[in-house]
Protein backbone atom coordinates (compact mmCIF):
# COMPACT_ATOMS: atom_id res chain seq x y z
CA UNK A 1 81.63 111.04 77.76
CA UNK A 2 82.58 113.36 80.61
CA UNK A 3 85.81 115.27 80.11
CA UNK A 4 86.18 117.21 83.36
CA UNK A 5 89.48 118.96 83.89
CA UNK A 6 91.92 117.69 86.47
CA UNK A 7 92.55 119.46 89.74
CA UNK A 8 95.53 121.77 89.73
CA UNK A 9 97.80 123.15 92.43
CA UNK A 10 96.78 126.75 91.78
CA UNK A 11 93.99 128.11 93.95
CA UNK A 12 91.44 126.41 96.16
CA UNK A 13 89.06 123.99 94.49
CA UNK A 14 85.48 123.18 95.54
CA UNK A 15 86.59 119.59 96.10
CA UNK A 16 89.16 120.60 98.67
CA UNK A 17 86.50 122.35 100.75
CA UNK A 18 84.18 119.37 100.37
CA UNK A 19 86.71 116.90 101.75
CA UNK A 20 87.84 118.85 104.76
CA UNK A 21 90.25 121.71 104.13
CA UNK A 22 93.14 122.81 102.00
CA UNK A 23 96.03 120.99 103.71
CA UNK A 24 96.48 117.52 102.18
CA UNK A 25 96.87 114.63 104.53
CA UNK A 26 99.39 113.20 102.06
CA UNK A 27 101.22 115.17 99.37
CA UNK A 28 103.69 113.53 96.99
CA UNK A 29 105.91 115.59 94.72
CA UNK A 30 108.15 114.25 91.94
CA UNK A 31 108.23 110.68 93.26
CA UNK A 32 110.62 108.47 91.30
CA UNK A 33 111.49 104.81 91.74
CA UNK A 34 113.74 102.65 89.58
CA UNK A 35 114.25 98.89 89.70
CA UNK A 36 117.34 98.02 87.67
CA UNK A 37 116.70 99.36 84.17
CA UNK A 38 112.96 99.85 84.76
CA UNK A 39 111.56 103.26 85.72
CA UNK A 40 108.60 102.16 87.82
CA UNK A 41 107.67 105.75 88.77
CA UNK A 42 108.68 108.77 86.76
CA UNK A 43 107.98 111.89 88.78
CA UNK A 44 104.52 111.34 90.29
CA UNK A 45 102.59 114.10 92.08
CA UNK A 46 99.60 113.13 94.20
CA UNK A 47 97.47 114.61 96.96
CA UNK A 48 95.09 112.93 99.40
CA UNK A 49 92.76 114.93 101.65
CA UNK A 50 91.07 114.11 104.97
CA UNK A 51 87.82 112.13 104.79
CA UNK A 52 88.09 111.40 101.06
CA UNK A 53 88.49 108.24 99.05
CA UNK A 54 90.93 108.47 96.15
CA UNK A 55 90.67 105.78 93.50
CA UNK A 56 94.03 104.76 92.04
CA UNK A 57 93.66 102.93 88.73
CA UNK A 58 95.79 101.79 85.82
CA UNK A 59 96.76 98.72 83.86
CA UNK A 60 99.24 96.15 85.14
CA UNK A 61 102.72 97.65 85.68
CA UNK A 62 101.29 101.18 85.61
CA UNK A 63 102.95 101.96 88.96
CA UNK A 64 99.99 101.77 91.36
CA UNK A 65 101.46 99.19 93.72
CA UNK A 66 104.88 100.82 93.73
CA UNK A 67 103.37 104.18 94.61
CA UNK A 68 101.26 102.82 97.46
CA UNK A 69 104.21 100.81 98.80
CA UNK A 70 106.15 104.07 98.96
CA UNK A 71 103.32 105.71 100.90
CA UNK A 72 103.16 102.72 103.26
CA UNK A 73 106.93 102.67 103.78
CA UNK A 74 107.71 99.39 102.03
CA UNK A 75 109.78 101.13 99.34
CA UNK A 76 111.91 104.26 99.72
CA UNK A 77 111.70 106.59 96.70
CA UNK A 78 114.82 107.43 94.70
CA UNK A 79 113.69 111.06 94.38
CA UNK A 80 110.84 113.32 95.36
CA UNK A 81 109.23 114.46 98.60
CA UNK A 82 106.50 113.12 100.88
CA UNK A 83 104.48 115.42 103.13
CA UNK A 84 102.14 114.28 105.88
CA UNK A 85 99.80 117.00 107.18
CA UNK A 86 102.11 119.63 105.72
CA UNK A 87 105.33 118.22 107.19
CA UNK A 88 108.06 116.83 104.91
CA UNK A 89 108.95 113.33 106.09
CA UNK A 90 111.20 110.47 105.07
CA UNK A 91 109.59 107.11 105.69
CA UNK A 92 112.20 104.51 106.64
CA UNK A 93 109.96 101.44 106.61
CA UNK A 94 106.48 100.06 107.28
CA UNK A 95 106.84 100.53 111.04
CA UNK A 96 107.66 104.20 110.49
CA UNK A 97 104.60 104.61 108.25
CA UNK A 98 102.39 102.86 110.81
CA UNK A 99 103.81 105.15 113.49
CA UNK A 100 102.55 108.02 111.34
CA UNK A 101 99.08 106.43 111.17
CA UNK A 102 99.33 104.94 107.66
CA UNK A 103 97.91 101.43 107.24
CA UNK A 104 97.66 99.18 104.19
CA UNK A 105 95.38 96.21 103.58
CA UNK A 106 97.15 94.04 101.02
CA UNK A 107 95.38 91.92 98.45
CA UNK A 108 96.41 88.70 100.23
CA UNK A 109 94.96 90.17 103.49
CA UNK A 110 97.82 88.76 105.64
CA UNK A 111 95.41 86.80 107.83
CA UNK A 112 96.25 83.59 109.68
CA UNK A 113 93.73 80.96 108.60
CA UNK A 114 94.44 78.56 111.46
CA UNK A 115 93.54 80.97 114.27
CA UNK A 116 90.21 82.55 115.14
CA UNK A 117 88.73 85.96 114.34
CA UNK A 118 89.72 87.60 117.61
CA UNK A 119 93.25 86.19 117.33
CA UNK A 120 93.61 87.83 113.92
CA UNK A 121 92.22 91.15 115.14
CA UNK A 122 94.84 91.33 117.89
CA UNK A 123 97.70 89.54 116.14
CA UNK A 124 100.97 91.03 117.37
CA UNK A 125 99.28 93.20 120.01
CA UNK A 126 97.53 90.66 122.17
CA UNK A 127 95.95 91.74 125.45
CA UNK A 128 97.49 90.05 128.48
CA UNK A 129 96.90 89.72 132.18
CA UNK A 130 100.26 88.98 133.73
CA UNK A 131 101.88 86.20 131.66
CA UNK A 132 98.55 84.99 130.24
CA UNK A 133 96.38 86.06 127.32
CA UNK A 134 93.34 88.04 128.43
CA UNK A 135 90.85 86.36 126.09
CA UNK A 136 87.81 87.90 127.75
CA UNK A 137 89.14 91.41 127.16
CA UNK A 138 90.13 90.61 123.60
CA UNK A 139 86.68 89.20 122.84
CA UNK A 140 84.95 92.25 124.32
CA UNK A 141 87.20 94.75 122.53
CA UNK A 142 87.02 92.74 119.31
CA UNK A 143 83.23 92.85 119.36
CA UNK A 144 83.36 96.62 119.91
CA UNK A 145 85.73 97.00 116.94
CA UNK A 146 83.43 95.08 114.61
CA UNK A 147 80.24 96.71 115.89
CA UNK A 148 81.71 100.18 115.34
CA UNK A 149 82.07 99.35 111.64
CA UNK A 150 78.77 97.41 111.49
CA UNK A 151 80.61 94.19 110.65
CA UNK A 152 78.45 91.17 111.47
CA UNK A 153 80.40 88.07 112.41
CA UNK A 154 78.41 86.03 114.95
CA UNK A 155 81.26 84.17 116.67
CA UNK A 156 84.70 85.69 117.17
CA UNK A 157 86.01 82.26 118.10
CA UNK A 158 85.42 80.99 114.54
CA UNK A 159 88.58 80.10 112.64
CA UNK A 160 89.24 82.51 109.79
CA UNK A 161 89.61 79.60 107.34
CA UNK A 162 85.87 78.92 107.79
CA UNK A 163 84.75 82.44 106.82
CA UNK A 164 83.64 83.79 103.45
CA UNK A 165 85.83 86.05 101.33
CA UNK A 166 83.81 89.10 102.29
CA UNK A 167 84.06 88.34 106.01
CA UNK A 168 87.82 87.85 105.70
CA UNK A 169 88.15 91.17 103.90
CA UNK A 170 86.08 92.86 106.62
CA UNK A 171 88.34 91.47 109.33
CA UNK A 172 91.45 92.75 107.54
CA UNK A 173 89.89 96.21 107.21
CA UNK A 174 88.72 96.22 110.84
CA UNK A 175 92.18 95.26 112.06
CA UNK A 176 93.76 98.08 110.07
CA UNK A 177 91.07 100.55 111.20
CA UNK A 178 91.65 99.61 114.84
CA UNK A 179 95.10 101.18 114.66
CA UNK A 180 93.26 104.52 114.24
CA UNK A 181 94.87 105.33 110.88
CA UNK A 182 94.80 108.70 109.21
CA UNK A 183 95.43 106.98 105.87
CA UNK A 184 94.13 103.55 104.87
CA UNK A 185 95.30 101.99 101.59
CA UNK A 186 93.24 99.11 100.18
CA UNK A 187 94.59 96.92 97.38
CA UNK A 188 91.79 95.22 95.39
CA UNK A 189 89.43 94.73 98.36
CA UNK A 190 86.51 93.54 96.20
CA UNK A 191 88.32 91.17 93.85
CA UNK A 192 86.94 87.63 93.80
CA UNK A 193 83.96 88.48 96.03
CA UNK A 194 80.31 87.64 95.46
CA UNK A 195 77.94 90.53 94.68
CA UNK A 196 76.52 90.75 98.21
CA UNK A 197 80.02 90.70 99.71
CA UNK A 198 81.15 93.48 97.36
CA UNK A 199 78.25 95.60 98.58
CA UNK A 200 79.22 95.00 102.20
CA UNK A 201 82.85 95.97 101.61
CA UNK A 202 81.87 99.15 99.74
CA UNK A 203 79.59 100.17 102.61
CA UNK A 204 82.48 99.48 104.98
CA UNK A 205 84.79 101.75 102.97
CA UNK A 206 82.20 104.54 103.16
CA UNK A 207 81.91 104.11 106.93
CA UNK A 208 85.69 104.26 107.35
CA UNK A 209 85.83 107.40 105.20
CA UNK A 210 83.00 109.00 107.17
CA UNK A 211 85.02 108.53 110.37
CA UNK A 212 87.66 110.94 109.01
CA UNK A 213 90.09 108.43 107.50
CA UNK A 214 91.66 109.18 104.11
CA UNK A 215 91.33 106.13 101.86
CA UNK A 216 93.28 105.10 98.75
CA UNK A 217 91.47 102.41 96.78
CA UNK A 218 93.22 100.32 94.13
CA UNK A 219 90.76 98.30 92.05
CA UNK A 220 90.16 96.91 88.59
CA UNK A 221 86.40 96.93 89.28
CA UNK A 222 85.90 100.40 87.86
CA UNK A 223 82.19 100.45 88.69
CA UNK A 224 83.09 100.32 92.40
CA UNK A 225 84.90 103.65 92.14
CA UNK A 226 81.64 105.49 91.57
CA UNK A 227 80.23 104.11 94.83
CA UNK A 228 82.94 105.29 97.20
CA UNK A 229 85.45 107.65 95.58
CA UNK A 230 85.63 111.45 95.57
CA UNK A 231 88.46 111.56 93.02
CA UNK A 232 90.25 109.18 90.69
CA UNK A 233 93.91 109.27 89.69
CA UNK A 234 94.98 107.31 86.60
CA UNK A 235 98.47 105.81 86.28
CA UNK A 236 100.07 104.87 82.96
CA UNK A 237 103.62 103.54 82.55
CA UNK A 238 104.92 105.05 85.78
CA UNK A 239 103.26 108.46 85.51
CA UNK A 240 100.01 109.97 86.72
CA UNK A 241 98.37 110.87 83.43
CA UNK A 242 95.04 112.20 84.68
CA UNK A 243 93.02 113.10 87.72
CA UNK A 244 89.25 113.40 87.81
CA UNK A 245 86.61 114.47 90.30
CA UNK A 246 84.18 111.56 90.37
CA UNK A 247 81.31 113.67 89.00
CA UNK A 248 83.42 114.66 85.99
CA UNK A 249 84.15 111.22 84.59
CA UNK A 250 82.53 107.94 83.57
CA UNK A 251 83.56 104.39 82.72
CA UNK A 252 84.31 105.18 79.08
CA UNK A 253 86.58 108.06 80.05
CA UNK A 254 88.48 105.96 82.58
CA UNK A 255 88.97 102.99 80.26
CA UNK A 256 90.45 105.24 77.54
CA UNK A 257 92.80 106.84 80.07
CA UNK A 258 93.91 103.49 81.44
CA UNK A 259 94.86 102.19 77.99
CA UNK A 260 96.54 105.46 77.00
CA UNK A 261 93.90 106.74 74.59
CA UNK A 262 92.09 109.36 76.69
CA UNK A 263 92.36 113.12 76.89
CA UNK A 264 95.12 113.73 79.41
CA UNK A 265 93.79 116.50 81.62
């Protein structure tokens, strides 16, 4: 079993050079969040660098969703600091986070089944010509968006309800990527997908990362982490208990950390 040490704040690490510099795109320090009598987050530190994929794993109620909802502006932390590209910020809501180029693809995808692919891609930011929808422009731009990510959906006029799970996931990712995010958070993007669809989504994550986007991936499919991630952070009962470079860990190591039995480094 690999037992690589975690990254520390002191000094420059080889990983930092590999993923594009020493200034984190996102830096969290001492993040705390309490819901009633429950401490959901208990002083979490986390860094995310340009062009890297960070896997965020842990058992149910470990704090993963709460942490990513803080990064995406849904929750406001009770304590701690958030830095974006070296600047301390206070996110006031999802619109504020989106204005700072942070996007999140939720597990339920937030797609409208009763409208077509192009309608979903431009939902809330439709192209118009005078008082009318400019469907021709939307179809042309929508095809460009999908082609750029090598997403193959033959007809953009197909209703989303008629698509496979993998195609729906690809549309949600493409829509988020079209906002030109610096940070893209994905919550369980490969859950409930067939094997071929999982492969397509993992390739899509790698293409997004290669374009310079910083990706946070939440998944219970631990084997997927080794296909796309540069680092993995493990949450346990509201704390980050370990951090691993992907080459310094394996499935056995991660499972022990997730259930609270691993070497906390």
